[in-house]
Amino acid sequence: MDITISVLDIIDSLEFNKSFMVYNIDGSDAVYASVLNESSATYSLDAITEQKEWDFINAQINKTVREAGA
């Protein structure tokens, strides 16, 4: 089964020393976020498990939405 992931944004955080990817799957309206891990040859997505990380991501998404509407 093939799926298509559309990257909406990549958010780097110095506070958490992580990169987060915001994306949707197969063009759906649902938006997802994961920790983006990069190694020398590949990328992987990991679950976000900390509430502080979710709060950070939601704040960044809201900021982007506000700036786009300005």
N, C-alpha and C. Protein backbone atom coordinates (compact mmCIF):
# COMPACT_ATOMS: atom_id res chain seq x y z
N MET A 1 0.84 -1.17 0.00
CA MET A 1 0.00 0.00 0.00
C MET A 1 0.89 1.24 0.00
N ASP A 2 0.66 2.13 -0.91
CA ASP A 2 1.40 3.38 -0.99
C ASP A 2 0.61 4.50 -0.33
N ILE A 3 1.31 5.36 0.38
CA ILE A 3 0.70 6.56 0.93
C ILE A 3 1.54 7.74 0.51
N THR A 4 0.91 8.88 0.45
CA THR A 4 1.61 10.12 0.11
C THR A 4 1.55 11.05 1.30
N ILE A 5 2.73 11.48 1.73
CA ILE A 5 2.82 12.43 2.84
C ILE A 5 3.19 13.79 2.26
N SER A 6 2.39 14.79 2.57
CA SER A 6 2.67 16.16 2.15
C SER A 6 3.20 16.93 3.34
N VAL A 7 4.42 17.41 3.23
CA VAL A 7 5.03 18.18 4.32
C VAL A 7 4.46 19.58 4.30
N LEU A 8 3.86 20.00 5.41
CA LEU A 8 3.30 21.34 5.52
C LEU A 8 4.32 22.30 6.12
N ASP A 9 5.14 21.80 7.05
CA ASP A 9 6.15 22.65 7.69
C ASP A 9 7.13 21.77 8.44
N ILE A 10 8.35 22.26 8.58
CA ILE A 10 9.33 21.65 9.45
C ILE A 10 9.71 22.71 10.47
N ILE A 11 9.54 22.39 11.73
CA ILE A 11 9.77 23.34 12.82
C ILE A 11 10.97 22.87 13.62
N ASP A 12 12.00 23.70 13.66
CA ASP A 12 13.19 23.39 14.45
C ASP A 12 13.05 24.04 15.82
N SER A 13 13.44 23.31 16.84
CA SER A 13 13.36 23.82 18.21
C SER A 13 14.71 23.71 18.89
N LEU A 14 15.28 24.83 19.26
CA LEU A 14 16.50 24.82 20.04
C LEU A 14 16.21 24.35 21.46
N GLU A 15 15.04 24.73 21.97
CA GLU A 15 14.66 24.35 23.33
C GLU A 15 14.66 22.83 23.52
N PHE A 16 14.11 22.11 22.54
CA PHE A 16 14.00 20.66 22.65
C PHE A 16 15.11 19.94 21.88
N ASN A 17 15.91 20.70 21.14
CA ASN A 17 16.98 20.14 20.32
C ASN A 17 16.42 19.06 19.38
N LYS A 18 15.29 19.41 18.74
CA LYS A 18 14.61 18.50 17.83
C LYS A 18 14.04 19.27 16.66
N SER A 19 13.76 18.53 15.61
CA SER A 19 12.98 19.06 14.50
C SER A 19 11.65 18.31 14.48
N PHE A 20 10.60 19.06 14.19
CA PHE A 20 9.26 18.48 14.12
C PHE A 20 8.72 18.67 12.70
N MET A 21 8.06 17.66 12.18
CA MET A 21 7.46 17.77 10.86
C MET A 21 5.95 17.80 11.02
N VAL A 22 5.33 18.78 10.39
CA VAL A 22 3.87 18.91 10.35
C VAL A 22 3.45 18.48 8.94
N TYR A 23 2.48 17.58 8.83
CA TYR A 23 2.17 16.99 7.53
C TYR A 23 0.73 16.50 7.48
N ASN A 24 0.30 16.17 6.26
CA ASN A 24 -0.95 15.44 6.11
C ASN A 24 -0.69 14.22 5.23
N ILE A 25 -1.63 13.31 5.25
CA ILE A 25 -1.48 12.04 4.56
C ILE A 25 -2.54 11.92 3.48
N ASP A 26 -2.08 11.60 2.27
CA ASP A 26 -2.97 11.38 1.13
C ASP A 26 -3.94 12.54 0.90
N GLY A 27 -3.49 13.78 1.15
CA GLY A 27 -4.30 14.95 0.86
C GLY A 27 -5.48 15.17 1.79
N SER A 28 -5.53 14.47 2.91
CA SER A 28 -6.66 14.64 3.83
C SER A 28 -6.57 16.01 4.51
N ASP A 29 -7.65 16.39 5.16
CA ASP A 29 -7.68 17.64 5.92
C ASP A 29 -7.03 17.49 7.29
N ALA A 30 -6.84 16.26 7.73
CA ALA A 30 -6.21 16.02 9.04
C ALA A 30 -4.74 16.42 8.99
N VAL A 31 -4.29 17.04 10.06
CA VAL A 31 -2.89 17.47 10.16
C VAL A 31 -2.23 16.70 11.29
N TYR A 32 -1.03 16.22 11.01
CA TYR A 32 -0.27 15.43 11.97
C TYR A 32 1.07 16.10 12.24
N ALA A 33 1.69 15.72 13.34
CA ALA A 33 3.03 16.21 13.66
C ALA A 33 3.81 15.06 14.29
N SER A 34 5.09 15.00 13.97
CA SER A 34 5.98 13.98 14.51
C SER A 34 7.36 14.58 14.70
N VAL A 35 8.16 13.89 15.51
CA VAL A 35 9.57 14.25 15.62
C VAL A 35 10.25 13.74 14.35
N LEU A 36 11.01 14.61 13.71
CA LEU A 36 11.73 14.25 12.49
C LEU A 36 13.16 13.94 12.87
N ASN A 37 13.56 12.68 12.66
CA ASN A 37 14.92 12.26 12.95
C ASN A 37 15.67 12.06 11.65
N GLU A 38 16.88 12.59 11.59
CA GLU A 38 17.69 12.48 10.39
C GLU A 38 18.99 11.76 10.73
N SER A 39 19.29 10.75 9.96
CA SER A 39 20.59 10.10 10.07
C SER A 39 21.35 10.38 8.77
N SER A 40 22.51 9.82 8.62
CA SER A 40 23.32 10.12 7.43
C SER A 40 22.66 9.66 6.14
N ALA A 41 21.80 8.67 6.21
CA ALA A 41 21.23 8.13 4.97
C ALA A 41 19.71 8.09 4.92
N THR A 42 19.03 8.43 6.02
CA THR A 42 17.59 8.25 6.03
C THR A 42 16.92 9.19 7.04
N TYR A 43 15.61 9.27 6.93
CA TYR A 43 14.79 10.02 7.88
C TYR A 43 13.81 9.06 8.53
N SER A 44 13.40 9.37 9.74
CA SER A 44 12.33 8.61 10.38
C SER A 44 11.46 9.57 11.17
N LEU A 45 10.23 9.15 11.41
CA LEU A 45 9.28 9.93 12.19
C LEU A 45 9.00 9.19 13.49
N ASP A 46 9.06 9.93 14.59
CA ASP A 46 8.77 9.35 15.90
C ASP A 46 7.60 10.10 16.54
N ALA A 47 6.89 9.42 17.39
CA ALA A 47 5.76 10.01 18.10
C ALA A 47 6.24 11.11 19.04
N ILE A 48 5.43 12.14 19.16
CA ILE A 48 5.66 13.20 20.13
C ILE A 48 4.99 12.75 21.42
N THR A 49 5.76 12.67 22.49
CA THR A 49 5.23 12.13 23.73
C THR A 49 5.13 13.15 24.86
N GLU A 50 5.76 14.29 24.70
CA GLU A 50 5.79 15.29 25.77
C GLU A 50 4.76 16.39 25.51
N GLN A 51 3.97 16.73 26.51
CA GLN A 51 2.97 17.79 26.35
C GLN A 51 3.62 19.13 26.02
N LYS A 52 4.79 19.41 26.59
CA LYS A 52 5.49 20.68 26.30
C LYS A 52 5.84 20.78 24.81
N GLU A 53 6.18 19.66 24.19
CA GLU A 53 6.48 19.66 22.76
C GLU A 53 5.21 19.93 21.96
N TRP A 54 4.10 19.31 22.36
CA TRP A 54 2.82 19.58 21.68
C TRP A 54 2.43 21.04 21.82
N ASP A 55 2.60 21.60 22.99
CA ASP A 55 2.27 23.02 23.21
C ASP A 55 3.12 23.90 22.31
N PHE A 56 4.40 23.59 22.20
CA PHE A 56 5.30 24.35 21.32
C PHE A 56 4.85 24.27 19.87
N ILE A 57 4.56 23.07 19.39
CA ILE A 57 4.14 22.89 17.99
C ILE A 57 2.83 23.63 17.73
N ASN A 58 1.86 23.48 18.62
CA ASN A 58 0.58 24.18 18.43
C ASN A 58 0.76 25.69 18.40
N ALA A 59 1.64 26.22 19.25
CA ALA A 59 1.91 27.66 19.26
C ALA A 59 2.54 28.09 17.94
N GLN A 60 3.44 27.29 17.41
CA GLN A 60 4.09 27.63 16.14
C GLN A 60 3.09 27.58 14.98
N ILE A 61 2.21 26.58 14.98
CA ILE A 61 1.19 26.49 13.93
C ILE A 61 0.24 27.68 14.02
N ASN A 62 -0.20 28.03 15.22
CA ASN A 62 -1.09 29.18 15.38
C ASN A 62 -0.43 30.46 14.92
N LYS A 63 0.86 30.64 15.22
CA LYS A 63 1.61 31.81 14.78
C LYS A 63 1.65 31.88 13.25
N THR A 64 1.90 30.75 12.61
CA THR A 64 1.97 30.71 11.17
C THR A 64 0.61 31.06 10.56
N VAL A 65 -0.46 30.53 11.13
CA VAL A 65 -1.81 30.82 10.64
C VAL A 65 -2.13 32.31 10.79
N ARG A 66 -1.79 32.88 11.95
CA ARG A 66 -2.03 34.32 12.17
C ARG A 66 -1.26 35.16 11.15
N GLU A 67 -0.01 34.83 10.93
CA GLU A 67 0.82 35.60 9.99
C GLU A 67 0.32 35.46 8.57
N ALA A 68 -0.21 34.31 8.21
CA ALA A 68 -0.74 34.10 6.86
C ALA A 68 -2.02 34.90 6.64
N GLY A 69 -2.77 35.11 7.71
CA GLY A 69 -4.02 35.84 7.61
C GLY A 69 -3.84 37.34 7.72
N ALA A 70 -2.65 37.81 8.09
CA ALA A 70 -2.41 39.24 8.29
C ALA A 70 -2.31 40.00 7.00
